[in-house]
Amino acid sequence: MLENDGSISASITAYCVNIFPRFLPESTLSFVFIMIWTVAGIILGIITARIIKKYKIKFKIGSERCFSAKIKQLFTKK
């Protein structure tokens, strides 16, 4: 799941950029379109970062040593 987070965020952002303007009036400022694009990316980036952090802690990803390092630690003098 962690390697797909960027593509999911990009897909949702593209959806927001292409679909939301269809429902806005024609006199809408271009600033609003830029804000839709920017805010969608920022919100999804924050959500993705929190999800990744949660599951890294839950499954101890990245902090776990490899098996050979654990074996070496057992047989080294302290």
C-alpha atoms as a PDB file:
ATOM      1  CA  MET A   1       0.000   0.000   0.000  1.00  0.00           C
ATOM      2  CA  LEU A   2       2.778   2.442   0.813  1.00  0.00           C
ATOM      3  CA  GLU A   3       4.125   2.548  -2.730  1.00  0.00           C
ATOM      4  CA  ASN A   4       0.707   3.481  -4.196  1.00  0.00           C
ATOM      5  CA  ASP A   5       0.060   6.567  -2.054  1.00  0.00           C
ATOM      6  CA  GLY A   6       1.516   8.995  -4.584  1.00  0.00           C
ATOM      7  CA  SER A   7      -0.576   7.657  -7.425  1.00  0.00           C
ATOM      8  CA  ILE A   8      -3.756   7.745  -5.353  1.00  0.00           C
ATOM      9  CA  SER A   9      -3.099  11.368  -4.376  1.00  0.00           C
ATOM     10  CA  ALA A  10      -2.352  12.299  -7.979  1.00  0.00           C
ATOM     11  CA  SER A  11      -5.536  10.622  -9.205  1.00  0.00           C
ATOM     12  CA  ILE A  12      -7.752  12.355  -6.657  1.00  0.00           C
ATOM     13  CA  THR A  13      -6.086  15.719  -7.342  1.00  0.00           C
ATOM     14  CA  ALA A  14      -6.582  15.277 -11.086  1.00  0.00           C
ATOM     15  CA  TYR A  15     -10.217  14.390 -10.489  1.00  0.00           C
ATOM     16  CA  CYS A  16     -10.696  17.557  -8.400  1.00  0.00           C
ATOM     17  CA  VAL A  17      -9.016  19.737 -11.015  1.00  0.00           C
ATOM     18  CA  ASN A  18     -11.014  18.325 -13.924  1.00  0.00           C
ATOM     19  CA  ILE A  19     -14.459  17.762 -12.375  1.00  0.00           C
ATOM     20  CA  PHE A  20     -14.991  20.587  -9.844  1.00  0.00           C
ATOM     21  CA  PRO A  21     -14.704  23.412 -12.422  1.00  0.00           C
ATOM     22  CA  ARG A  22     -17.701  21.942 -14.276  1.00  0.00           C
ATOM     23  CA  PHE A  23     -19.918  22.717 -11.292  1.00  0.00           C
ATOM     24  CA  LEU A  24     -18.607  26.251 -10.690  1.00  0.00           C
ATOM     25  CA  PRO A  25     -20.083  29.300 -12.412  1.00  0.00           C
ATOM     26  CA  GLU A  26     -18.354  30.655 -15.501  1.00  0.00           C
ATOM     27  CA  SER A  27     -17.439  33.890 -13.723  1.00  0.00           C
ATOM     28  CA  THR A  28     -15.264  32.071 -11.181  1.00  0.00           C
ATOM     29  CA  LEU A  29     -11.802  33.548 -10.738  1.00  0.00           C
ATOM     30  CA  SER A  30      -8.827  31.478 -11.880  1.00  0.00           C
ATOM     31  CA  PHE A  31      -7.478  31.816  -8.340  1.00  0.00           C
ATOM     32  CA  VAL A  32     -10.232  29.437  -7.174  1.00  0.00           C
ATOM     33  CA  PHE A  33      -9.100  26.783  -9.651  1.00  0.00           C
ATOM     34  CA  ILE A  34      -5.511  27.102  -8.437  1.00  0.00           C
ATOM     35  CA  MET A  35      -6.700  26.826  -4.824  1.00  0.00           C
ATOM     36  CA  ILE A  36      -8.658  23.638  -5.604  1.00  0.00           C
ATOM     37  CA  TRP A  37      -5.549  22.099  -7.108  1.00  0.00           C
ATOM     38  CA  THR A  38      -3.242  23.216  -4.304  1.00  0.00           C
ATOM     39  CA  VAL A  39      -5.535  22.438  -1.375  1.00  0.00           C
ATOM     40  CA  ALA A  40      -6.321  18.949  -2.688  1.00  0.00           C
ATOM     41  CA  GLY A  41      -2.598  18.165  -2.934  1.00  0.00           C
ATOM     42  CA  ILE A  42      -1.800  19.571   0.509  1.00  0.00           C
ATOM     43  CA  ILE A  43      -4.652  17.774   2.271  1.00  0.00           C
ATOM     44  CA  LEU A  44      -3.871  14.462   0.582  1.00  0.00           C
ATOM     45  CA  GLY A  45      -0.168  14.879   1.367  1.00  0.00           C
ATOM     46  CA  ILE A  46      -0.910  15.388   5.066  1.00  0.00           C
ATOM     47  CA  ILE A  47      -3.299  12.423   5.173  1.00  0.00           C
ATOM     48  CA  THR A  48      -0.794  10.203   3.369  1.00  0.00           C
ATOM     49  CA  ALA A  49       2.032  11.186   5.732  1.00  0.00           C
ATOM     50  CA  ARG A  50      -0.107  10.379   8.776  1.00  0.00           C
ATOM     51  CA  ILE A  51      -1.190   7.013   7.377  1.00  0.00           C
ATOM     52  CA  ILE A  52       2.391   6.056   6.541  1.00  0.00           C
ATOM     53  CA  LYS A  53       3.586   7.085  10.007  1.00  0.00           C
ATOM     54  CA  LYS A  54       0.782   5.119  11.677  1.00  0.00           C
ATOM     55  CA  TYR A  55       1.514   1.899   9.810  1.00  0.00           C
ATOM     56  CA  LYS A  56       5.284   2.216  10.125  1.00  0.00           C
ATOM     57  CA  ILE A  57       4.796   2.326  13.902  1.00  0.00           C
ATOM     58  CA  LYS A  58       2.144  -0.409  13.904  1.00  0.00           C
ATOM     59  CA  PHE A  59       4.154  -2.871  11.831  1.00  0.00           C
ATOM     60  CA  LYS A  60       7.593  -1.590  12.925  1.00  0.00           C
ATOM     61  CA  ILE A  61       8.686  -0.945   9.337  1.00  0.00           C
ATOM     62  CA  GLY A  62      12.130   0.559   8.912  1.00  0.00           C
ATOM     63  CA  SER A  63      13.228   0.197  12.528  1.00  0.00           C
ATOM     64  CA  GLU A  64      13.614  -3.564  12.375  1.00  0.00           C
ATOM     65  CA  ARG A  65      17.085  -4.980  11.870  1.00  0.00           C
ATOM     66  CA  CYS A  66      17.786  -7.663   9.331  1.00  0.00           C
ATOM     67  CA  PHE A  67      18.139 -11.262  10.459  1.00  0.00           C
ATOM     68  CA  SER A  68      21.915 -11.404   9.935  1.00  0.00           C
ATOM     69  CA  ALA A  69      22.422  -8.313  12.120  1.00  0.00           C
ATOM     70  CA  LYS A  70      20.436  -9.963  14.927  1.00  0.00           C
ATOM     71  CA  ILE A  71      22.591 -13.113  14.654  1.00  0.00           C
ATOM     72  CA  LYS A  72      25.804 -11.069  14.791  1.00  0.00           C
ATOM     73  CA  GLN A  73      24.529  -9.261  17.867  1.00  0.00           C
ATOM     74  CA  LEU A  74      23.909 -12.574  19.646  1.00  0.00           C
ATOM     75  CA  PHE A  75      27.474 -13.779  19.128  1.00  0.00           C
ATOM     76  CA  THR A  76      29.442 -10.579  19.739  1.00  0.00           C
ATOM     77  CA  LYS A  77      30.977  -9.855  23.109  1.00  0.00           C
ATOM     78  CA  LYS A  78      29.530  -7.050  25.093  1.00  0.00           C
END
